[in-house]
Amino acid sequence: MFRSLAFLNLFFLLSGESLIASRFFLQDKSQSKSGPTVYHGHCARCHGRKGEGSGTVTGLRETSLSQEKMILIVRNGIPETTMSSWKDRLTEIEIRNVVDFILSDWSEK
């Protein structure tokens, strides 16, 4: 398994593709929490149960941010704001899962 992942990393590196663009290889939900679980466990306390935001915290219902930008924000946070980095607390897969959840249709949440 490790050799396969190492080969895929090398392949994408050499081909100029990023692993971010290769969501297919990062969607192993058996090793991570789902997007809704991560959102309701970590994000909802600031961004609201349905992404409505609160006070000075940004709502997420109608964001114009791209998936790439949202992944970077969740991973690294936003300096000098209450949006902290989650890269030390969530796996890369969990970050991607929660971003996918945030960008999906809020009417079903």
C-alpha atoms as a PDB file:
ATOM      1  CA  MET A   1       0.000   0.000   0.000  1.00  0.00           C
ATOM      2  CA  PHE A   2       2.766   2.434   0.962  1.00  0.00           C
ATOM      3  CA  ARG A   3       4.649   1.733  -2.277  1.00  0.00           C
ATOM      4  CA  SER A   4       1.489   2.398  -4.277  1.00  0.00           C
ATOM      5  CA  LEU A   5       0.959   5.753  -2.594  1.00  0.00           C
ATOM      6  CA  ALA A   6       4.610   6.673  -2.994  1.00  0.00           C
ATOM      7  CA  PHE A   7       4.395   5.823  -6.704  1.00  0.00           C
ATOM      8  CA  LEU A   8       1.234   7.920  -7.101  1.00  0.00           C
ATOM      9  CA  ASN A   9       2.871  10.854  -5.328  1.00  0.00           C
ATOM     10  CA  LEU A  10       5.876  10.611  -7.626  1.00  0.00           C
ATOM     11  CA  PHE A  11       3.645  10.267 -10.696  1.00  0.00           C
ATOM     12  CA  PHE A  12       1.626  13.378  -9.845  1.00  0.00           C
ATOM     13  CA  LEU A  13       4.746  15.310  -8.923  1.00  0.00           C
ATOM     14  CA  LEU A  14       6.450  14.476 -12.226  1.00  0.00           C
ATOM     15  CA  SER A  15       3.328  15.047 -14.288  1.00  0.00           C
ATOM     16  CA  GLY A  16       2.796  18.497 -12.790  1.00  0.00           C
ATOM     17  CA  GLU A  17      -0.492  17.526 -11.186  1.00  0.00           C
ATOM     18  CA  SER A  18      -1.074  18.172  -7.519  1.00  0.00           C
ATOM     19  CA  LEU A  19      -2.609  15.746  -5.100  1.00  0.00           C
ATOM     20  CA  ILE A  20      -5.220  18.413  -4.452  1.00  0.00           C
ATOM     21  CA  ALA A  21      -6.414  17.906  -8.010  1.00  0.00           C
ATOM     22  CA  SER A  22      -6.472  14.150  -7.433  1.00  0.00           C
ATOM     23  CA  ARG A  23      -9.375  13.854  -5.017  1.00  0.00           C
ATOM     24  CA  PHE A  24      -9.978  10.290  -6.170  1.00  0.00           C
ATOM     25  CA  PHE A  25      -6.912   9.068  -4.304  1.00  0.00           C
ATOM     26  CA  LEU A  26      -7.658  10.980  -1.111  1.00  0.00           C
ATOM     27  CA  GLN A  27     -11.238   9.904  -0.475  1.00  0.00           C
ATOM     28  CA  ASP A  28     -10.546   7.013   1.888  1.00  0.00           C
ATOM     29  CA  LYS A  29     -13.380   7.549   4.308  1.00  0.00           C
ATOM     30  CA  SER A  30     -12.578   4.383   6.259  1.00  0.00           C
ATOM     31  CA  GLN A  31      -9.582   6.156   7.828  1.00  0.00           C
ATOM     32  CA  SER A  32     -11.237   9.507   8.490  1.00  0.00           C
ATOM     33  CA  LYS A  33     -14.306  11.237   9.787  1.00  0.00           C
ATOM     34  CA  SER A  34     -16.906  12.275   7.258  1.00  0.00           C
ATOM     35  CA  GLY A  35     -17.437  15.899   6.289  1.00  0.00           C
ATOM     36  CA  PRO A  36     -20.653  16.308   8.308  1.00  0.00           C
ATOM     37  CA  THR A  37     -19.034  14.760  11.398  1.00  0.00           C
ATOM     38  CA  VAL A  38     -16.045  17.104  11.175  1.00  0.00           C
ATOM     39  CA  TYR A  39     -18.227  20.137  10.459  1.00  0.00           C
ATOM     40  CA  HIS A  40     -20.670  19.565  13.308  1.00  0.00           C
ATOM     41  CA  GLY A  41     -17.870  18.575  15.696  1.00  0.00           C
ATOM     42  CA  HIS A  42     -15.519  21.478  14.980  1.00  0.00           C
ATOM     43  CA  CYS A  43     -16.873  24.149  12.628  1.00  0.00           C
ATOM     44  CA  ALA A  44     -20.506  24.593  13.655  1.00  0.00           C
ATOM     45  CA  ARG A  45     -19.685  26.195  16.996  1.00  0.00           C
ATOM     46  CA  CYS A  46     -18.374  29.284  15.159  1.00  0.00           C
ATOM     47  CA  HIS A  47     -19.914  29.091  11.673  1.00  0.00           C
ATOM     48  CA  GLY A  48     -23.354  27.893  12.814  1.00  0.00           C
ATOM     49  CA  ARG A  49     -25.133  24.570  12.539  1.00  0.00           C
ATOM     50  CA  LYS A  50     -26.321  25.431   9.042  1.00  0.00           C
ATOM     51  CA  GLY A  51     -23.396  27.607   7.964  1.00  0.00           C
ATOM     52  CA  GLU A  52     -25.182  30.851   8.774  1.00  0.00           C
ATOM     53  CA  GLY A  53     -22.251  32.399  10.680  1.00  0.00           C
ATOM     54  CA  SER A  54     -22.564  34.474  13.824  1.00  0.00           C
ATOM     55  CA  GLY A  55     -21.526  38.021  14.583  1.00  0.00           C
ATOM     56  CA  THR A  56     -18.038  38.523  13.186  1.00  0.00           C
ATOM     57  CA  VAL A  57     -17.661  34.917  12.013  1.00  0.00           C
ATOM     58  CA  THR A  58     -18.238  34.346   8.318  1.00  0.00           C
ATOM     59  CA  GLY A  59     -21.243  32.394   7.131  1.00  0.00           C
ATOM     60  CA  LEU A  60     -20.505  29.581   4.706  1.00  0.00           C
ATOM     61  CA  ARG A  61     -23.860  29.104   2.976  1.00  0.00           C
ATOM     62  CA  GLU A  62     -23.139  31.229  -0.065  1.00  0.00           C
ATOM     63  CA  THR A  63     -19.376  31.337  -0.219  1.00  0.00           C
ATOM     64  CA  SER A  64     -17.722  32.278  -3.493  1.00  0.00           C
ATOM     65  CA  LEU A  65     -14.443  30.643  -2.490  1.00  0.00           C
ATOM     66  CA  SER A  66     -13.107  27.829  -4.628  1.00  0.00           C
ATOM     67  CA  GLN A  67     -12.496  24.374  -3.217  1.00  0.00           C
ATOM     68  CA  GLU A  68      -8.730  24.967  -3.406  1.00  0.00           C
ATOM     69  CA  LYS A  69      -8.976  28.250  -1.464  1.00  0.00           C
ATOM     70  CA  MET A  70     -11.220  26.724   1.203  1.00  0.00           C
ATOM     71  CA  ILE A  71      -8.824  23.803   1.673  1.00  0.00           C
ATOM     72  CA  LEU A  72      -5.956  26.263   2.164  1.00  0.00           C
ATOM     73  CA  ILE A  73      -7.978  28.286   4.679  1.00  0.00           C
ATOM     74  CA  VAL A  74      -9.024  25.233   6.707  1.00  0.00           C
ATOM     75  CA  ARG A  75      -5.497  23.836   6.577  1.00  0.00           C
ATOM     76  CA  ASN A  76      -3.600  27.045   7.398  1.00  0.00           C
ATOM     77  CA  GLY A  77      -6.161  29.342   9.009  1.00  0.00           C
ATOM     78  CA  ILE A  78      -6.313  33.110   8.457  1.00  0.00           C
ATOM     79  CA  PRO A  79      -3.734  35.161  10.380  1.00  0.00           C
ATOM     80  CA  GLU A  80      -5.042  37.770  12.811  1.00  0.00           C
ATOM     81  CA  THR A  81      -8.562  36.294  12.800  1.00  0.00           C
ATOM     82  CA  THR A  82     -10.388  33.677  14.838  1.00  0.00           C
ATOM     83  CA  MET A  83      -9.983  31.187  11.964  1.00  0.00           C
ATOM     84  CA  SER A  84      -7.188  28.975  13.223  1.00  0.00           C
ATOM     85  CA  SER A  85      -5.214  26.334  11.373  1.00  0.00           C
ATOM     86  CA  TRP A  86      -6.625  22.808  11.468  1.00  0.00           C
ATOM     87  CA  LYS A  87      -3.699  20.983   9.829  1.00  0.00           C
ATOM     88  CA  ASP A  88      -2.458  19.673  13.179  1.00  0.00           C
ATOM     89  CA  ARG A  89      -5.907  18.484  14.271  1.00  0.00           C
ATOM     90  CA  LEU A  90      -7.474  17.079  11.103  1.00  0.00           C
ATOM     91  CA  THR A  91      -6.060  14.755   8.476  1.00  0.00           C
ATOM     92  CA  GLU A  92      -5.814  15.955   4.895  1.00  0.00           C
ATOM     93  CA  ILE A  93      -8.697  13.649   4.033  1.00  0.00           C
ATOM     94  CA  GLU A  94     -10.853  15.116   6.807  1.00  0.00           C
ATOM     95  CA  ILE A  95     -10.070  18.646   5.603  1.00  0.00           C
ATOM     96  CA  ARG A  96     -11.133  17.705   2.079  1.00  0.00           C
ATOM     97  CA  ASN A  97     -14.253  15.939   3.345  1.00  0.00           C
ATOM     98  CA  VAL A  98     -15.357  18.948   5.402  1.00  0.00           C
ATOM     99  CA  VAL A  99     -14.721  21.345   2.505  1.00  0.00           C
ATOM    100  CA  ASP A 100     -16.775  19.104   0.205  1.00  0.00           C
ATOM    101  CA  PHE A 101     -19.540  19.147   2.810  1.00  0.00           C
ATOM    102  CA  ILE A 102     -19.398  22.947   3.146  1.00  0.00           C
ATOM    103  CA  LEU A 103     -19.553  23.430  -0.628  1.00  0.00           C
ATOM    104  CA  SER A 104     -22.475  21.048  -1.076  1.00  0.00           C
ATOM    105  CA  ASP A 105     -26.126  22.083  -1.003  1.00  0.00           C
ATOM    106  CA  TRP A 106     -26.989  23.532   2.426  1.00  0.00           C
ATOM    107  CA  SER A 107     -30.712  22.909   1.980  1.00  0.00           C
ATOM    108  CA  GLU A 108     -30.154  19.240   2.810  1.00  0.00           C
ATOM    109  CA  LYS A 109     -28.213  19.867   6.016  1.00  0.00           C
END
